C-alpha atoms as a PDB file:
ATOM      1  CA  MET A   1      89.101 144.133   2.233  1.00  0.00           C
ATOM      2  CA  ALA A   2      87.628 147.857   2.178  1.00  0.00           C
ATOM      3  CA  GLY A   3      84.438 146.088   0.293  1.00  0.00           C
ATOM      4  CA  LEU A   4      81.876 148.322  -0.841  1.00  0.00           C
ATOM      5  CA  ASP A   5      81.705 152.300  -0.556  1.00  0.00           C
ATOM      6  CA  THR A   6      79.592 153.114   2.711  1.00  0.00           C
ATOM      7  CA  SER A   7      79.596 157.346   2.418  1.00  0.00           C
ATOM      8  CA  GLY A   8      76.036 159.036   3.043  1.00  0.00           C
ATOM      9  CA  SER A   9      76.784 160.479  -0.443  1.00  0.00           C
ATOM     10  CA  ASN A  10      76.295 156.680  -2.054  1.00  0.00           C
ATOM     11  CA  PRO A  11      72.491 156.538  -3.221  1.00  0.00           C
ATOM     12  CA  ASP A  12      72.644 152.891  -1.937  1.00  0.00           C
ATOM     13  CA  VAL A  13      72.870 154.344   1.721  1.00  0.00           C
ATOM     14  CA  SER A  14      70.473 156.921   0.730  1.00  0.00           C
ATOM     15  CA  LEU A  15      68.274 154.069  -0.302  1.00  0.00           C
ATOM     16  CA  LEU A  16      68.936 152.087   2.681  1.00  0.00           C
ATOM     17  CA  PHE A  17      68.059 154.967   5.225  1.00  0.00           C
ATOM     18  CA  ASP A  18      65.137 156.070   2.783  1.00  0.00           C
ATOM     19  CA  ILE A  19      63.786 151.904   3.566  1.00  0.00           C
ATOM     20  CA  ASN A  20      64.441 151.408   7.153  1.00  0.00           C
ATOM     21  CA  GLY A  21      63.033 155.058   8.125  1.00  0.00           C
ATOM     22  CA  LEU A  22      59.358 153.623   7.022  1.00  0.00           C
ATOM     23  CA  THR A  23      59.749 152.430  10.288  1.00  0.00           C
ATOM     24  CA  ASP A  24      59.048 155.655  11.918  1.00  0.00           C
ATOM     25  CA  SER A  25      55.948 155.810  10.527  1.00  0.00           C
ATOM     26  CA  THR A  26      54.250 152.032  10.614  1.00  0.00           C
ATOM     27  CA  PRO A  27      52.469 150.777  13.407  1.00  0.00           C
ATOM     28  CA  GLY A  28      54.948 148.385  15.629  1.00  0.00           C
ATOM     29  CA  TRP A  29      52.688 145.265  14.518  1.00  0.00           C
ATOM     30  CA  VAL A  30      54.148 145.869  11.145  1.00  0.00           C
ATOM     31  CA  ASP A  31      57.862 145.599  12.038  1.00  0.00           C
ATOM     32  CA  ARG A  32      56.922 142.806  13.739  1.00  0.00           C
ATOM     33  CA  PHE A  33      55.552 141.041  10.728  1.00  0.00           C
ATOM     34  CA  MET A  34      57.786 142.198   8.230  1.00  0.00           C
ATOM     35  CA  GLU A  35      60.834 141.182  10.899  1.00  0.00           C
ATOM     36  CA  TYR A  36      58.873 137.575  10.496  1.00  0.00           C
ATOM     37  CA  ALA A  37      58.635 137.390   6.909  1.00  0.00           C
ATOM     38  CA  GLY A  38      62.078 138.687   6.318  1.00  0.00           C
ATOM     39  CA  GLU A  39      63.514 136.322   8.431  1.00  0.00           C
ATOM     40  CA  TYR A  40      61.270 132.773   8.234  1.00  0.00           C
ATOM     41  CA  GLY A  41      58.061 133.270   6.709  1.00  0.00           C
ATOM     42  CA  LEU A  42      59.043 134.352   2.895  1.00  0.00           C
ATOM     43  CA  LEU A  43      61.561 131.796   3.018  1.00  0.00           C
ATOM     44  CA  LEU A  44      59.007 128.950   3.681  1.00  0.00           C
ATOM     45  CA  ALA A  45      56.540 130.457   1.290  1.00  0.00           C
ATOM     46  CA  SER A  46      59.720 129.790  -1.334  1.00  0.00           C
ATOM     47  CA  VAL A  47      59.564 125.817   0.316  1.00  0.00           C
ATOM     48  CA  LEU A  48      55.480 125.582  -0.259  1.00  0.00           C
ATOM     49  CA  LEU A  49      55.544 126.646  -3.643  1.00  0.00           C
ATOM     50  CA  VAL A  50      58.610 124.263  -4.228  1.00  0.00           C
ATOM     51  CA  LEU A  51      56.225 121.986  -3.133  1.00  0.00           C
ATOM     52  CA  TRP A  52      53.263 122.635  -4.853  1.00  0.00           C
ATOM     53  CA  CYS A  53      54.880 122.621  -7.891  1.00  0.00           C
ATOM     54  CA  TRP A  54      56.339 119.180  -7.386  1.00  0.00           C
ATOM     55  CA  TRP A  55      53.231 117.539  -6.254  1.00  0.00           C
ATOM     56  CA  GLY A  56      51.417 118.812  -9.790  1.00  0.00           C
ATOM     57  CA  VAL A  57      54.276 117.930 -12.145  1.00  0.00           C
ATOM     58  CA  ARG A  58      54.728 114.565 -10.953  1.00  0.00           C
ATOM     59  CA  ARG A  59      51.173 113.331 -12.404  1.00  0.00           C
ATOM     60  CA  ARG A  60      52.651 114.313 -15.791  1.00  0.00           C
ATOM     61  CA  GLY A  61      51.045 111.685 -18.570  1.00  0.00           C
ATOM     62  CA  SER A  62      54.712 109.829 -19.058  1.00  0.00           C
ATOM     63  CA  LEU A  63      57.325 108.978 -16.670  1.00  0.00           C
ATOM     64  CA  ASP A  64      59.906 110.551 -18.967  1.00  0.00           C
ATOM     65  CA  ASP A  65      58.167 113.834 -18.764  1.00  0.00           C
ATOM     66  CA  ALA A  66      58.020 113.337 -14.831  1.00  0.00           C
ATOM     67  CA  ALA A  67      61.133 112.620 -14.312  1.00  0.00           C
ATOM     68  CA  SER A  68      62.392 115.512 -16.074  1.00  0.00           C
ATOM     69  CA  SER A  69      60.149 117.950 -14.559  1.00  0.00           C
ATOM     70  CA  VAL A  70      60.656 116.693 -10.827  1.00  0.00           C
ATOM     71  CA  ALA A  71      64.674 117.394 -12.123  1.00  0.00           C
ATOM     72  CA  ALA A  72      64.079 120.918 -13.005  1.00  0.00           C
ATOM     73  CA  VAL A  73      61.937 121.279  -9.766  1.00  0.00           C
ATOM     74  CA  LEU A  74      64.337 119.786  -7.621  1.00  0.00           C
ATOM     75  CA  TRP A  75      67.353 122.212  -8.816  1.00  0.00           C
ATOM     76  CA  ALA A  76      65.290 124.846  -7.844  1.00  0.00           C
ATOM     77  CA  PRO A  77      66.196 123.910  -3.871  1.00  0.00           C
ATOM     78  CA  LEU A  78      69.518 122.533  -5.166  1.00  0.00           C
ATOM     79  CA  ALA A  79      70.577 125.835  -7.019  1.00  0.00           C
ATOM     80  CA  ALA A  80      69.899 127.752  -3.791  1.00  0.00           C
ATOM     81  CA  GLY A  81      72.140 125.919  -1.710  1.00  0.00           C
ATOM     82  CA  VAL A  82      75.059 126.195  -4.556  1.00  0.00           C
ATOM     83  CA  ALA A  83      74.231 129.679  -4.504  1.00  0.00           C
ATOM     84  CA  VAL A  84      74.948 130.081  -0.504  1.00  0.00           C
ATOM     85  CA  LEU A  85      78.138 127.845  -0.842  1.00  0.00           C
ATOM     86  CA  VAL A  86      79.350 130.342  -3.372  1.00  0.00           C
ATOM     87  CA  ASN A  87      78.165 133.489  -1.299  1.00  0.00           C
ATOM     88  CA  ILE A  88      80.831 132.091   1.053  1.00  0.00           C
ATOM     89  CA  PRO A  89      84.055 133.284  -0.408  1.00  0.00           C
ATOM     90  CA  ILE A  90      82.576 136.729  -1.866  1.00  0.00           C
ATOM     91  CA  ARG A  91      81.648 137.597   1.466  1.00  0.00           C
ATOM     92  CA  GLY A  92      84.822 137.031   2.706  1.00  0.00           C
ATOM     93  CA  PHE A  93      86.391 138.718  -0.117  1.00  0.00           C
ATOM     94  CA  VAL A  94      84.569 142.015  -0.032  1.00  0.00           C
ATOM     95  CA  GLN A  95      83.792 141.949   4.064  1.00  0.00           C
ATOM     96  CA  ARG A  96      81.562 144.586   3.778  1.00  0.00           C
ATOM     97  CA  PRO A  97      80.337 145.164   7.234  1.00  0.00           C
ATOM     98  CA  ARG A  98      76.688 145.601   8.103  1.00  0.00           C
ATOM     99  CA  PRO A  99      75.181 148.804   7.269  1.00  0.00           C
ATOM    100  CA  PHE A 100      74.580 149.595  11.422  1.00  0.00           C
ATOM    101  CA  VAL A 101      78.082 149.310  12.025  1.00  0.00           C
ATOM    102  CA  ASP A 102      78.556 152.099   9.837  1.00  0.00           C
ATOM    103  CA  HIS A 103      75.697 154.251   9.922  1.00  0.00           C
ATOM    104  CA  ARG A 104      73.887 155.376  13.053  1.00  0.00           C
ATOM    105  CA  GLY A 105      70.380 155.922  13.031  1.00  0.00           C
ATOM    106  CA  LEU A 106      69.021 152.738  12.005  1.00  0.00           C
ATOM    107  CA  ASP A 107      66.051 151.624  13.300  1.00  0.00           C
ATOM    108  CA  VAL A 108      67.749 147.860  13.082  1.00  0.00           C
ATOM    109  CA  LEU A 109      64.451 145.236  13.970  1.00  0.00           C
ATOM    110  CA  VAL A 110      66.491 141.880  14.461  1.00  0.00           C
ATOM    111  CA  ASP A 111      69.535 141.087  16.284  1.00  0.00           C
ATOM    112  CA  GLY A 112      72.908 138.742  16.424  1.00  0.00           C
ATOM    113  CA  LYS A 113      73.761 139.616  12.653  1.00  0.00           C
ATOM    114  CA  ASN A 114      77.426 140.163  13.153  1.00  0.00           C
ATOM    115  CA  ASP A 115      78.625 138.612  10.203  1.00  0.00           C
ATOM    116  CA  TYR A 116      79.231 140.795   6.478  1.00  0.00           C
ATOM    117  CA  SER A 117      76.665 141.942   4.641  1.00  0.00           C
ATOM    118  CA  PHE A 118      77.417 141.732   0.939  1.00  0.00           C
ATOM    119  CA  VAL A 119      75.354 139.653  -0.613  1.00  0.00           C
ATOM    120  CA  SER A 120      72.519 138.636   1.104  1.00  0.00           C
ATOM    121  CA  ASP A 121      71.735 134.865   2.113  1.00  0.00           C
ATOM    122  CA  HIS A 122      68.450 135.497   2.528  1.00  0.00           C
ATOM    123  CA  ALA A 123      68.056 137.358  -1.229  1.00  0.00           C
ATOM    124  CA  THR A 124      70.442 135.090  -2.428  1.00  0.00           C
ATOM    125  CA  LEU A 125      68.204 131.957  -1.385  1.00  0.00           C
ATOM    126  CA  THR A 126      64.978 132.757  -2.311  1.00  0.00           C
ATOM    127  CA  MET A 127      65.952 133.748  -5.620  1.00  0.00           C
ATOM    128  CA  ALA A 128      67.510 130.986  -6.997  1.00  0.00           C
ATOM    129  CA  VAL A 129      64.654 129.554  -5.889  1.00  0.00           C
ATOM    130  CA  GLY A 130      62.511 131.583  -8.122  1.00  0.00           C
ATOM    131  CA  VAL A 131      64.672 131.495 -11.329  1.00  0.00           C
ATOM    132  CA  GLY A 132      65.209 127.398 -10.693  1.00  0.00           C
ATOM    133  CA  LEU A 133      61.318 127.394 -10.564  1.00  0.00           C
ATOM    134  CA  PHE A 134      60.628 129.296 -13.381  1.00  0.00           C
ATOM    135  CA  LEU A 135      62.601 127.268 -15.191  1.00  0.00           C
ATOM    136  CA  ALA A 136      59.818 124.244 -14.538  1.00  0.00           C
ATOM    137  CA  HIS A 137      56.863 125.832 -13.868  1.00  0.00           C
ATOM    138  CA  ARG A 138      56.666 129.788 -15.372  1.00  0.00           C
ATOM    139  CA  LYS A 139      53.790 130.397 -13.110  1.00  0.00           C
ATOM    140  CA  LEU A 140      55.007 129.634  -9.620  1.00  0.00           C
ATOM    141  CA  GLY A 141      58.058 130.113 -10.595  1.00  0.00           C
ATOM    142  CA  LEU A 142      56.534 134.064 -11.120  1.00  0.00           C
ATOM    143  CA  ALA A 143      55.485 133.917  -7.942  1.00  0.00           C
ATOM    144  CA  ALA A 144      58.098 132.496  -6.497  1.00  0.00           C
ATOM    145  CA  ILE A 145      60.583 135.039  -7.498  1.00  0.00           C
ATOM    146  CA  GLY A 146      58.192 138.140  -6.148  1.00  0.00           C
ATOM    147  CA  VAL A 147      58.426 136.286  -3.213  1.00  0.00           C
ATOM    148  CA  ALA A 148      62.180 136.777  -3.678  1.00  0.00           C
ATOM    149  CA  LEU A 149      61.365 140.699  -4.135  1.00  0.00           C
ATOM    150  CA  LEU A 150      59.700 140.737  -1.365  1.00  0.00           C
ATOM    151  CA  GLU A 151      62.512 139.232   0.823  1.00  0.00           C
ATOM    152  CA  GLY A 152      64.621 141.465  -0.458  1.00  0.00           C
ATOM    153  CA  ALA A 153      62.548 144.983   0.237  1.00  0.00           C
ATOM    154  CA  CYS A 154      62.511 142.906   4.483  1.00  0.00           C
ATOM    155  CA  ARG A 155      66.136 142.714   4.215  1.00  0.00           C
ATOM    156  CA  VAL A 156      66.544 146.659   3.945  1.00  0.00           C
ATOM    157  CA  TYR A 157      63.582 147.463   5.584  1.00  0.00           C
ATOM    158  CA  MET A 158      64.694 145.686   8.537  1.00  0.00           C
ATOM    159  CA  GLY A 159      68.034 147.269   7.966  1.00  0.00           C
ATOM    160  CA  VAL A 160      70.769 144.393   8.428  1.00  0.00           C
ATOM    161  CA  HIS A 161      71.539 144.652   4.327  1.00  0.00           C
ATOM    162  CA  TYR A 162      72.289 147.605   1.690  1.00  0.00           C
ATOM    163  CA  PRO A 163      70.369 147.275  -1.136  1.00  0.00           C
ATOM    164  CA  THR A 164      73.212 146.451  -3.326  1.00  0.00           C
ATOM    165  CA  ASP A 165      73.496 143.316  -0.884  1.00  0.00           C
ATOM    166  CA  VAL A 166      69.887 142.522  -1.988  1.00  0.00           C
ATOM    167  CA  ILE A 167      70.976 143.247  -6.068  1.00  0.00           C
ATOM    168  CA  GLY A 168      74.269 141.215  -4.993  1.00  0.00           C
ATOM    169  CA  GLY A 169      72.205 138.291  -4.124  1.00  0.00           C
ATOM    170  CA  PHE A 170      69.773 138.143  -7.047  1.00  0.00           C
ATOM    171  CA  ALA A 171      72.553 138.195  -9.590  1.00  0.00           C
ATOM    172  CA  LEU A 172      74.179 135.942  -7.961  1.00  0.00           C
ATOM    173  CA  ALA A 173      71.471 133.253  -7.365  1.00  0.00           C
ATOM    174  CA  THR A 174      70.012 134.024 -10.938  1.00  0.00           C
ATOM    175  CA  ALA A 175      73.602 133.366 -12.484  1.00  0.00           C
ATOM    176  CA  VAL A 176      73.844 129.772 -10.778  1.00  0.00           C
ATOM    177  CA  ALA A 177      70.428 128.606 -11.317  1.00  0.00           C
ATOM    178  CA  LEU A 178      70.477 129.495 -15.056  1.00  0.00           C
ATOM    179  CA  LEU A 179      74.036 128.562 -15.863  1.00  0.00           C
ATOM    180  CA  LEU A 180      74.524 125.278 -13.858  1.00  0.00           C
ATOM    181  CA  SER A 181      70.684 123.899 -15.078  1.00  0.00           C
ATOM    182  CA  PRO A 182      71.114 122.283 -18.454  1.00  0.00           C
ATOM    183  CA  VAL A 183      74.186 119.798 -16.331  1.00  0.00           C
ATOM    184  CA  ALA A 184      72.053 119.602 -13.318  1.00  0.00           C
ATOM    185  CA  THR A 185      68.916 118.484 -14.739  1.00  0.00           C
ATOM    186  CA  ALA A 186      71.380 116.249 -17.259  1.00  0.00           C
ATOM    187  CA  LEU A 187      72.616 114.340 -14.173  1.00  0.00           C
ATOM    188  CA  LEU A 188      69.150 114.303 -12.125  1.00  0.00           C
ATOM    189  CA  THR A 189      66.906 113.041 -14.946  1.00  0.00           C
ATOM    190  CA  PRO A 190      67.836 109.399 -15.392  1.00  0.00           C
ATOM    191  CA  VAL A 191      68.087 108.822 -11.689  1.00  0.00           C
ATOM    192  CA  LEU A 192      65.110 109.863 -10.661  1.00  0.00           C
ATOM    193  CA  ARG A 193      63.464 107.693 -13.964  1.00  0.00           C
ATOM    194  CA  ALA A 194      64.950 104.950 -12.328  1.00  0.00           C
ATOM    195  CA  VAL A 195      63.490 105.846  -8.654  1.00  0.00           C
ATOM    196  CA  GLY A 196      59.863 106.332 -10.965  1.00  0.00           C
ATOM    197  CA  ARG A 197      60.275 102.775 -12.054  1.00  0.00           C
ATOM    198  CA  ALA A 198      60.727 101.625  -8.105  1.00  0.00           C
ATOM    199  CA  GLY A 199      57.557 100.012  -6.390  1.00  0.00           C
ATOM    200  CA  ARG A 200      55.778 102.708  -3.928  1.00  0.00           C
ATOM    201  CA  LEU A 201      59.110 105.031  -4.055  1.00  0.00           C
ATOM    202  CA  GLY A 202      58.837 105.417  -7.424  1.00  0.00           C
ATOM    203  CA  GLY A 203      55.218 107.888  -6.736  1.00  0.00           C
ATOM    204  CA  LEU A 204      57.453 110.690  -5.333  1.00  0.00           C
ATOM    205  CA  VAL A 205      58.601 111.248  -9.117  1.00  0.00           C
ATOM    206  CA  TRP A 206      55.926 109.848 -11.099  1.00  0.00           C
ATOM    207  CA  ALA A 207      51.962 109.770 -10.175  1.00  0.00           C
ATOM    208  CA  GLY A 208      50.311 109.952 -13.194  1.00  0.00           C
ATOM    209  CA  PRO A 209      47.624 107.859 -15.014  1.00  0.00           C
ATOM    210  CA  GLY A 210      48.747 104.672 -16.181  1.00  0.00           C
ATOM    211  CA  ARG A 211      51.548 104.564 -13.880  1.00  0.00           C
ATOM    212  CA  ARG A 212      50.305 101.574 -12.121  1.00  0.00           C
ATOM    213  CA  ALA A 213      49.867  99.896 -15.277  1.00  0.00           C
ATOM    214  CA  ALA A 214      53.423 100.607 -16.843  1.00  0.00           C
ATOM    215  CA  THR A 215      55.119  99.896 -13.183  1.00  0.00           C
ATOM    216  CA  GLY A 216      53.355  96.225 -12.837  1.00  0.00           C
ATOM    217  CA  GLU A 217      51.720  97.773  -9.365  1.00  0.00           C
ATOM    218  CA  GLY A 218      48.284  96.411  -9.129  1.00  0.00           C
ATOM    219  CA  GLY A 219      48.817  92.939 -11.140  1.00  0.00           C
ATOM    220  CA  GLY A 220      49.250  92.163 -14.803  1.00  0.00           C
ATOM    221  CA  ARG A 221      45.265  91.567 -15.293  1.00  0.00           C
ATOM    222  CA  ALA A 222      45.025  94.994 -14.133  1.00  0.00           C
ATOM    223  CA  ALA A 223      47.871  96.204 -16.852  1.00  0.00           C
ATOM    224  CA  GLU A 224      46.298  94.249 -19.530  1.00  0.00           C
ATOM    225  CA  GLY A 225      42.610  96.268 -18.752  1.00  0.00           C
ATOM    226  CA  GLU A 226      40.804  93.505 -17.039  1.00  0.00           C
ATOM    227  CA  GLY A 227      37.344  94.616 -16.429  1.00  0.00           C
ATOM    228  CA  GLU A 228      36.785  96.918 -19.336  1.00  0.00           C
ATOM    229  CA  ARG A 229      33.512  96.128 -20.955  1.00  0.00           C
ATOM    230  CA  PRO A 230      33.618  95.194 -24.737  1.00  0.00           C
ATOM    231  CA  GLY A 231      33.456  98.209 -27.056  1.00  0.00           C
ATOM    232  CA  ALA A 232      33.338 100.459 -23.940  1.00  0.00           C
ATOM    233  CA  ALA A 233      35.080 103.944 -24.866  1.00  0.00           C
ATOM    234  CA  ARG A 234      37.911 104.220 -22.922  1.00  0.00           C
ATOM    235  CA  THR A 235      38.087 107.479 -20.569  1.00  0.00           C
ATOM    236  CA  VAL A 236      41.332 109.546 -21.558  1.00  0.00           C
ATOM    237  CA  PRO A 237      42.430 111.972 -18.721  1.00  0.00           C
ATOM    238  CA  PRO A 238      42.591 115.477 -19.630  1.00  0.00           C
ATOM    239  CA  GLU A 239      45.825 117.145 -20.885  1.00  0.00           C
ATOM    240  CA  ASP A 240      47.641 118.465 -17.597  1.00  0.00           C
ATOM    241  CA  ASP A 241      48.673 121.917 -17.867  1.00  0.00           C
ATOM    242  CA  ARG A 242      52.210 121.510 -19.274  1.00  0.00           C
ATOM    243  CA  ASP A 243      53.918 124.615 -18.367  1.00  0.00           C
ATOM    244  CA  LEU A 244      57.331 123.125 -18.127  1.00  0.00           C
ATOM    245  CA  ALA A 245      59.774 125.821 -19.164  1.00  0.00           C
ATOM    246  CA  ALA A 246      61.003 124.446 -22.959  1.00  0.00           C
END
């Protein structure tokens, strides 16, 4: 298939040259930074945001809350994987060459990109994580979406994708993350709830106050509140930051 228009009169091509042309006026270290960030660094940042969110939501006050929250967080990387799989037939159907194949004068910052260009896997991965994470935690989700936007800019700056490759990746990732989220969380939540009841492994799902008593860890006497002085005021842990999107 001929794919998308790659003529020089296409605004997509003009924007590609405008963004990639910034390499002519930037120091070499900026190019190296953008290359590393675009290939590895921003993907790593997305992973770290997922881990940060998981570490927080597993401390919910009850097992049910923790299981549903962890399920929402887990869906973010799973959505990224599903979106990339969906992209495989799309790439084969569109068959759009990389921009440096059809256009001379681009400063390509990374070698070895011989596959098709539409849509960008990097943009798809990071935006799927961002949108998926937004469904679990708005603040960290917005940060992850910001990472995805930076990823898209890096891919164009590096000369390996057209802007529409990036936009297409964002659209694909958003559709997968949003449309499949209800089904995914409905399937994951009961599984994670069962894991949360299991011994030490349950801490991966629920590490909030009351877990030891609810799961029987530490012995029955501890669960019954042994050691509390008669009439002593019980300490109620502060309400955690519930930022789970409804």
